[in-house]
C-alpha atoms as a PDB file:
ATOM      1  CA  MET A   1     -44.882  29.889  10.578  1.00  0.00           C
ATOM      2  CA  ASP A   2     -45.605  31.491  13.962  1.00  0.00           C
ATOM      3  CA  PHE A   3     -44.702  29.976  17.313  1.00  0.00           C
ATOM      4  CA  TRP A   4     -46.284  30.741  20.658  1.00  0.00           C
ATOM      5  CA  ASP A   5     -43.888  32.209  23.261  1.00  0.00           C
ATOM      6  CA  PHE A   6     -45.129  31.392  26.761  1.00  0.00           C
ATOM      7  CA  HIS A   7     -43.046  33.981  28.624  1.00  0.00           C
ATOM      8  CA  SER A   8     -41.371  36.995  27.103  1.00  0.00           C
ATOM      9  CA  HIS A   9     -40.193  40.475  28.029  1.00  0.00           C
ATOM     10  CA  GLN A  10     -40.457  41.466  24.379  1.00  0.00           C
ATOM     11  CA  ARG A  11     -43.722  42.717  22.935  1.00  0.00           C
ATOM     12  CA  GLY A  12     -45.342  40.533  20.303  1.00  0.00           C
ATOM     13  CA  SER A  13     -48.623  39.242  18.910  1.00  0.00           C
ATOM     14  CA  PHE A  14     -47.904  35.606  19.781  1.00  0.00           C
ATOM     15  CA  SER A  15     -46.185  36.120  23.128  1.00  0.00           C
ATOM     16  CA  LEU A  16     -47.324  36.086  26.713  1.00  0.00           C
ATOM     17  CA  CYS A  17     -45.699  39.400  27.630  1.00  0.00           C
ATOM     18  CA  SER A  18     -44.564  39.786  31.234  1.00  0.00           C
ATOM     19  CA  CYS A  19     -44.926  43.060  33.156  1.00  0.00           C
ATOM     20  CA  ASP A  20     -43.614  43.792  36.664  1.00  0.00           C
ATOM     21  CA  LEU A  21     -45.988  46.312  38.233  1.00  0.00           C
ATOM     22  CA  LEU A  22     -43.326  47.540  40.659  1.00  0.00           C
ATOM     23  CA  ARG A  23     -41.030  48.578  37.795  1.00  0.00           C
ATOM     24  CA  GLU A  24     -43.047  49.009  34.595  1.00  0.00           C
ATOM     25  CA  GLU A  25     -46.090  50.662  33.143  1.00  0.00           C
ATOM     26  CA  VAL A  26     -48.703  48.307  31.719  1.00  0.00           C
ATOM     27  CA  PRO A  27     -48.193  48.228  27.928  1.00  0.00           C
ATOM     28  CA  PRO A  28     -51.105  49.023  25.585  1.00  0.00           C
ATOM     29  CA  ILE A  29     -53.217  46.141  24.347  1.00  0.00           C
ATOM     30  CA  ALA A  30     -52.130  46.814  20.750  1.00  0.00           C
ATOM     31  CA  ASP A  31     -48.544  45.950  21.731  1.00  0.00           C
ATOM     32  CA  CYS A  32     -49.330  43.097  24.122  1.00  0.00           C
ATOM     33  CA  PRO A  33     -52.702  41.442  23.505  1.00  0.00           C
ATOM     34  CA  TYR A  34     -51.715  38.601  25.851  1.00  0.00           C
ATOM     35  CA  LEU A  35     -50.346  39.976  29.083  1.00  0.00           C
ATOM     36  CA  SER A  36     -49.097  38.524  32.358  1.00  0.00           C
ATOM     37  CA  VAL A  37     -48.780  40.983  35.246  1.00  0.00           C
ATOM     38  CA  GLY A  38     -47.367  40.549  38.726  1.00  0.00           C
ATOM     39  CA  LEU A  39     -44.981  41.650  41.463  1.00  0.00           C
ATOM     40  CA  HIS A  40     -41.564  40.121  40.828  1.00  0.00           C
ATOM     41  CA  PRO A  41     -39.634  39.017  43.952  1.00  0.00           C
ATOM     42  CA  TRP A  42     -36.587  41.025  42.784  1.00  0.00           C
ATOM     43  CA  SER A  43     -38.645  44.216  42.998  1.00  0.00           C
ATOM     44  CA  LEU A  44     -40.079  43.763  46.478  1.00  0.00           C
ATOM     45  CA  PRO A  45     -38.993  46.290  49.117  1.00  0.00           C
ATOM     46  CA  LYS A  46     -37.616  45.145  52.441  1.00  0.00           C
ATOM     47  CA  GLU A  47     -40.505  46.759  54.342  1.00  0.00           C
ATOM     48  CA  VAL A  48     -43.452  44.436  54.896  1.00  0.00           C
ATOM     49  CA  SER A  49     -45.901  47.342  54.809  1.00  0.00           C
ATOM     50  CA  SER A  50     -45.190  49.289  51.628  1.00  0.00           C
ATOM     51  CA  PRO A  51     -47.635  51.662  49.873  1.00  0.00           C
ATOM     52  CA  PRO A  52     -46.226  50.912  46.376  1.00  0.00           C
ATOM     53  CA  VAL A  53     -46.870  47.208  46.937  1.00  0.00           C
ATOM     54  CA  GLU A  54     -50.451  47.832  48.059  1.00  0.00           C
ATOM     55  CA  VAL A  55     -51.038  50.066  45.021  1.00  0.00           C
ATOM     56  CA  ALA A  56     -49.583  47.414  42.704  1.00  0.00           C
ATOM     57  CA  LEU A  57     -51.788  44.688  44.204  1.00  0.00           C
ATOM     58  CA  GLY A  58     -54.833  46.890  43.716  1.00  0.00           C
ATOM     59  CA  GLN A  59     -53.836  47.505  40.105  1.00  0.00           C
ATOM     60  CA  LEU A  60     -53.304  43.787  39.540  1.00  0.00           C
ATOM     61  CA  ASN A  61     -56.738  43.006  40.931  1.00  0.00           C
ATOM     62  CA  LYS A  62     -58.331  45.664  38.718  1.00  0.00           C
ATOM     63  CA  LEU A  63     -56.588  44.399  35.577  1.00  0.00           C
ATOM     64  CA  ALA A  64     -57.685  40.839  36.354  1.00  0.00           C
ATOM     65  CA  GLN A  65     -61.306  41.832  36.937  1.00  0.00           C
ATOM     66  CA  GLU A  66     -61.354  43.862  33.727  1.00  0.00           C
ATOM     67  CA  GLY A  67     -60.083  40.880  31.725  1.00  0.00           C
ATOM     68  CA  ARG A  68     -57.005  42.787  30.537  1.00  0.00           C
ATOM     69  CA  ILE A  69     -54.591  40.012  31.561  1.00  0.00           C
ATOM     70  CA  VAL A  70     -54.522  36.286  30.806  1.00  0.00           C
ATOM     71  CA  ALA A  71     -52.166  35.284  33.642  1.00  0.00           C
ATOM     72  CA  VAL A  72     -50.861  36.518  36.997  1.00  0.00           C
ATOM     73  CA  GLY A  73     -47.108  36.844  37.569  1.00  0.00           C
ATOM     74  CA  GLU A  74     -44.200  36.689  37.658  1.00  0.00           C
ATOM     75  CA  ALA A  75     -44.569  35.995  41.339  1.00  0.00           C
ATOM     76  CA  GLY A  76     -42.444  33.699  43.426  1.00  0.00           C
ATOM     77  CA  TRP A  77     -39.560  32.987  45.725  1.00  0.00           C
ATOM     78  CA  ASP A  78     -35.952  33.975  45.089  1.00  0.00           C
ATOM     79  CA  ALA A  79     -33.095  33.342  47.512  1.00  0.00           C
ATOM     80  CA  LEU A  80     -31.230  36.266  45.944  1.00  0.00           C
ATOM     81  CA  SER A  81     -33.980  38.815  46.624  1.00  0.00           C
ATOM     82  CA  SER A  82     -33.376  41.376  49.373  1.00  0.00           C
ATOM     83  CA  ALA A  83     -36.919  40.860  50.655  1.00  0.00           C
ATOM     84  CA  ALA A  84     -37.415  38.454  53.553  1.00  0.00           C
ATOM     85  CA  MET A  85     -38.665  35.018  52.540  1.00  0.00           C
ATOM     86  CA  ASP A  86     -41.827  35.259  54.646  1.00  0.00           C
ATOM     87  CA  TYR A  87     -42.624  38.548  52.886  1.00  0.00           C
ATOM     88  CA  GLN A  88     -42.082  36.935  49.500  1.00  0.00           C
ATOM     89  CA  GLN A  89     -44.440  34.168  50.625  1.00  0.00           C
ATOM     90  CA  GLN A  90     -47.036  36.721  51.692  1.00  0.00           C
ATOM     91  CA  LEU A  91     -46.949  38.397  48.286  1.00  0.00           C
ATOM     92  CA  VAL A  92     -47.156  35.071  46.442  1.00  0.00           C
ATOM     93  CA  GLU A  93     -50.294  34.234  48.391  1.00  0.00           C
ATOM     94  CA  ALA A  94     -51.821  37.670  47.734  1.00  0.00           C
ATOM     95  CA  GLN A  95     -51.267  37.295  43.990  1.00  0.00           C
ATOM     96  CA  TRP A  96     -52.479  33.703  44.044  1.00  0.00           C
ATOM     97  CA  GLN A  97     -55.754  34.798  45.620  1.00  0.00           C
ATOM     98  CA  ILE A  98     -56.290  37.192  42.711  1.00  0.00           C
ATOM     99  CA  ALA A  99     -55.454  34.411  40.268  1.00  0.00           C
ATOM    100  CA  GLU A 100     -57.927  32.041  41.922  1.00  0.00           C
ATOM    101  CA  GLU A 101     -60.721  34.616  42.100  1.00  0.00           C
ATOM    102  CA  ASN A 102     -60.357  35.374  38.393  1.00  0.00           C
ATOM    103  CA  ARG A 103     -59.502  31.823  37.216  1.00  0.00           C
ATOM    104  CA  LEU A 104     -56.141  32.857  35.771  1.00  0.00           C
ATOM    105  CA  PRO A 105     -52.958  30.772  35.457  1.00  0.00           C
ATOM    106  CA  MET A 106     -50.003  31.879  37.582  1.00  0.00           C
ATOM    107  CA  ILE A 107     -46.449  32.393  36.291  1.00  0.00           C
ATOM    108  CA  LEU A 108     -43.857  31.547  38.950  1.00  0.00           C
ATOM    109  CA  HIS A 109     -40.259  32.634  39.345  1.00  0.00           C
ATOM    110  CA  VAL A 110     -38.349  30.256  41.631  1.00  0.00           C
ATOM    111  CA  VAL A 111     -34.634  30.414  42.464  1.00  0.00           C
ATOM    112  CA  LYS A 112     -33.203  27.995  45.053  1.00  0.00           C
ATOM    113  CA  ARG A 113     -36.511  27.910  46.932  1.00  0.00           C
ATOM    114  CA  TRP A 114     -38.275  24.830  45.620  1.00  0.00           C
ATOM    115  CA  GLN A 115     -39.308  23.804  49.135  1.00  0.00           C
ATOM    116  CA  GLU A 116     -41.419  26.973  49.401  1.00  0.00           C
ATOM    117  CA  LEU A 117     -43.236  26.105  46.183  1.00  0.00           C
ATOM    118  CA  GLU A 118     -43.889  22.532  47.276  1.00  0.00           C
ATOM    119  CA  TYR A 119     -45.062  23.668  50.709  1.00  0.00           C
ATOM    120  CA  PHE A 120     -47.348  26.242  49.106  1.00  0.00           C
ATOM    121  CA  ILE A 121     -48.953  23.614  46.878  1.00  0.00           C
ATOM    122  CA  HIS A 122     -49.492  21.156  49.728  1.00  0.00           C
ATOM    123  CA  ARG A 123     -50.915  23.816  52.030  1.00  0.00           C
ATOM    124  CA  SER A 124     -52.979  25.988  49.669  1.00  0.00           C
ATOM    125  CA  ARG A 125     -54.045  23.367  47.109  1.00  0.00           C
ATOM    126  CA  PRO A 126     -54.280  25.803  44.169  1.00  0.00           C
ATOM    127  CA  THR A 127     -56.821  25.005  41.472  1.00  0.00           C
ATOM    128  CA  VAL A 128     -55.437  27.339  38.772  1.00  0.00           C
ATOM    129  CA  PRO A 129     -52.483  26.203  36.632  1.00  0.00           C
ATOM    130  CA  LEU A 130     -49.062  26.963  38.131  1.00  0.00           C
ATOM    131  CA  ILE A 131     -46.300  27.539  35.570  1.00  0.00           C
ATOM    132  CA  VAL A 132     -42.635  27.643  36.572  1.00  0.00           C
ATOM    133  CA  HIS A 133     -40.890  29.733  33.941  1.00  0.00           C
ATOM    134  CA  GLY A 134     -37.265  29.358  32.910  1.00  0.00           C
ATOM    135  CA  PHE A 135     -36.968  25.886  34.411  1.00  0.00           C
ATOM    136  CA  ARG A 136     -33.410  24.490  34.234  1.00  0.00           C
ATOM    137  CA  GLY A 137     -33.584  21.829  36.952  1.00  0.00           C
ATOM    138  CA  LYS A 138     -32.661  18.204  36.599  1.00  0.00           C
ATOM    139  CA  ALA A 139     -35.065  15.340  35.995  1.00  0.00           C
ATOM    140  CA  PRO A 140     -35.750  14.366  39.666  1.00  0.00           C
ATOM    141  CA  LEU A 141     -36.925  17.912  40.449  1.00  0.00           C
ATOM    142  CA  ALA A 142     -38.917  18.048  37.225  1.00  0.00           C
ATOM    143  CA  GLN A 143     -40.611  14.765  38.138  1.00  0.00           C
ATOM    144  CA  ARG A 144     -41.528  16.059  41.610  1.00  0.00           C
ATOM    145  CA  LEU A 145     -43.046  19.237  40.235  1.00  0.00           C
ATOM    146  CA  LEU A 146     -44.895  17.491  37.427  1.00  0.00           C
ATOM    147  CA  HIS A 147     -46.306  15.047  39.974  1.00  0.00           C
ATOM    148  CA  LEU A 148     -47.700  18.062  41.833  1.00  0.00           C
ATOM    149  CA  GLY A 149     -49.390  19.282  38.640  1.00  0.00           C
ATOM    150  CA  VAL A 150     -46.953  22.097  37.846  1.00  0.00           C
ATOM    151  CA  TRP A 151     -46.296  23.166  34.246  1.00  0.00           C
ATOM    152  CA  LEU A 152     -42.657  23.671  33.187  1.00  0.00           C
ATOM    153  CA  SER A 153     -41.692  26.439  30.785  1.00  0.00           C
ATOM    154  CA  LEU A 154     -38.243  25.946  29.253  1.00  0.00           C
ATOM    155  CA  GLY A 155     -36.071  28.519  27.537  1.00  0.00           C
ATOM    156  CA  ARG A 156     -32.731  28.598  25.802  1.00  0.00           C
ATOM    157  CA  TYR A 157     -30.998  26.532  28.491  1.00  0.00           C
ATOM    158  CA  TYR A 158     -32.664  23.382  29.765  1.00  0.00           C
ATOM    159  CA  ASN A 159     -31.956  19.883  30.954  1.00  0.00           C
ATOM    160  CA  ARG A 160     -32.764  17.398  28.182  1.00  0.00           C
ATOM    161  CA  GLU A 161     -34.089  14.734  30.581  1.00  0.00           C
ATOM    162  CA  SER A 162     -36.375  17.313  32.208  1.00  0.00           C
ATOM    163  CA  LEU A 163     -37.561  18.336  28.747  1.00  0.00           C
ATOM    164  CA  CYS A 164     -38.520  14.740  28.018  1.00  0.00           C
ATOM    165  CA  GLU A 165     -40.315  14.423  31.355  1.00  0.00           C
ATOM    166  CA  ALA A 166     -42.372  17.571  30.747  1.00  0.00           C
ATOM    167  CA  TRP A 167     -43.247  16.492  27.199  1.00  0.00           C
ATOM    168  CA  LYS A 168     -44.269  13.034  28.394  1.00  0.00           C
ATOM    169  CA  ALA A 169     -46.465  14.584  31.104  1.00  0.00           C
ATOM    170  CA  GLY A 170     -48.094  16.946  28.588  1.00  0.00           C
ATOM    171  CA  ARG A 171     -47.094  20.038  30.566  1.00  0.00           C
ATOM    172  CA  LEU A 172     -44.259  21.481  28.487  1.00  0.00           C
ATOM    173  CA  LEU A 173     -44.126  25.156  27.514  1.00  0.00           C
ATOM    174  CA  LEU A 174     -41.377  27.104  25.691  1.00  0.00           C
ATOM    175  CA  GLU A 175     -40.239  30.691  26.205  1.00  0.00           C
ATOM    176  CA  THR A 176     -37.640  33.306  25.312  1.00  0.00           C
ATOM    177  CA  ASP A 177     -37.785  35.212  28.637  1.00  0.00           C
ATOM    178  CA  ASP A 178     -35.381  38.158  28.226  1.00  0.00           C
ATOM    179  CA  SER A 179     -33.292  36.496  25.514  1.00  0.00           C
ATOM    180  CA  SER A 180     -33.029  37.973  22.030  1.00  0.00           C
ATOM    181  CA  LEU A 181     -32.972  34.457  20.563  1.00  0.00           C
ATOM    182  CA  PRO A 182     -35.999  33.888  18.299  1.00  0.00           C
ATOM    183  CA  ILE A 183     -38.576  31.548  19.820  1.00  0.00           C
ATOM    184  CA  ALA A 184     -38.483  29.515  16.583  1.00  0.00           C
ATOM    185  CA  SER A 185     -34.873  28.568  17.367  1.00  0.00           C
ATOM    186  CA  ILE A 186     -35.903  27.163  20.732  1.00  0.00           C
ATOM    187  CA  TYR A 187     -38.724  25.183  19.145  1.00  0.00           C
ATOM    188  CA  GLN A 188     -36.281  23.783  16.580  1.00  0.00           C
ATOM    189  CA  ALA A 189     -33.772  22.687  19.236  1.00  0.00           C
ATOM    190  CA  VAL A 190     -36.514  21.103  21.362  1.00  0.00           C
ATOM    191  CA  ALA A 191     -38.016  19.258  18.404  1.00  0.00           C
ATOM    192  CA  GLU A 192     -34.589  17.810  17.621  1.00  0.00           C
ATOM    193  CA  ASP A 193     -33.999  16.754  21.230  1.00  0.00           C
ATOM    194  CA  LEU A 194     -37.448  15.146  21.406  1.00  0.00           C
ATOM    195  CA  GLU A 195     -36.925  13.607  17.961  1.00  0.00           C
ATOM    196  CA  ILE A 196     -40.307  14.809  16.761  1.00  0.00           C
ATOM    197  CA  ASP A 197     -41.473  16.900  13.824  1.00  0.00           C
ATOM    198  CA  LEU A 198     -41.351  20.660  14.365  1.00  0.00           C
ATOM    199  CA  SER A 199     -44.936  21.085  13.175  1.00  0.00           C
ATOM    200  CA  LEU A 200     -46.136  18.541  15.756  1.00  0.00           C
ATOM    201  CA  LEU A 201     -44.427  20.475  18.548  1.00  0.00           C
ATOM    202  CA  ARG A 202     -45.834  23.768  17.294  1.00  0.00           C
ATOM    203  CA  ASP A 203     -49.368  22.411  16.970  1.00  0.00           C
ATOM    204  CA  ARG A 204     -49.277  20.803  20.414  1.00  0.00           C
ATOM    205  CA  LEU A 205     -48.071  23.965  22.133  1.00  0.00           C
ATOM    206  CA  THR A 206     -50.468  26.151  20.196  1.00  0.00           C
ATOM    207  CA  GLY A 207     -53.274  23.970  21.535  1.00  0.00           C
ATOM    208  CA  ILE A 208     -51.923  24.393  25.057  1.00  0.00           C
ATOM    209  CA  ALA A 209     -51.798  28.181  24.630  1.00  0.00           C
ATOM    210  CA  HIS A 210     -55.423  28.103  23.552  1.00  0.00           C
ATOM    211  CA  GLN A 211     -56.296  25.907  26.538  1.00  0.00           C
ATOM    212  CA  LEU A 212     -54.426  27.863  29.231  1.00  0.00           C
ATOM    213  CA  PHE A 213     -54.792  31.462  28.060  1.00  0.00           C
ATOM    214  CA  ARG A 214     -57.758  31.422  25.674  1.00  0.00           C
ATOM    215  CA  VAL A 215     -55.578  32.770  22.872  1.00  0.00           C
ATOM    216  CA  GLU A 216     -56.557  32.874  19.236  1.00  0.00           C
ATOM    217  CA  LYS A 217     -55.252  30.096  17.028  1.00  0.00           C
ATOM    218  CA  LEU A 218     -52.118  30.863  15.084  1.00  0.00           C
ATOM    219  CA  SER A 219     -52.212  30.875  11.306  1.00  0.00           C
END
């Protein structure tokens, strides 16, 4: 039985593989048929005007127009990044514009900067799905984000109440990120916490993968 992995740094047929254009080469389609590409806030230089960033944005736009990617990101806001917060905001907006123009979901990385995400949503009113990956926050934050229409992707570590909120809202995703833990193990733990059948969870999330990323149905 195969399980869809909504955010992974490992290559696989049933994974949304993440690629940081400021650090990595774009993998071949045979290795990553479903690819998410962006400029990670950890990789941003301190300089606001940076040729590598402009080149990466041009490459991202080209990949989106060619239909090579099914999502934009990781992009986002990270309090631990050396780049200034207004520069991180600028790059989020640049990547979001590409996502909007090509009708692609956006994968977001957010660390201790939830106010920036909420402000961005209120100001820009995005129409493409926004997915916060690796969400570990507590239920009140989960409720706020779900109310704003955000999808929550949970990995190995998650808050059980937030899990229940995301499942109830119909905007739950599951991921391995950079963990070596098999995605099936995460599905099993989540199914037990939700007290539902594993096959129900798998089928529901497979349908969501098909809906968000136009992926082929799993066998």
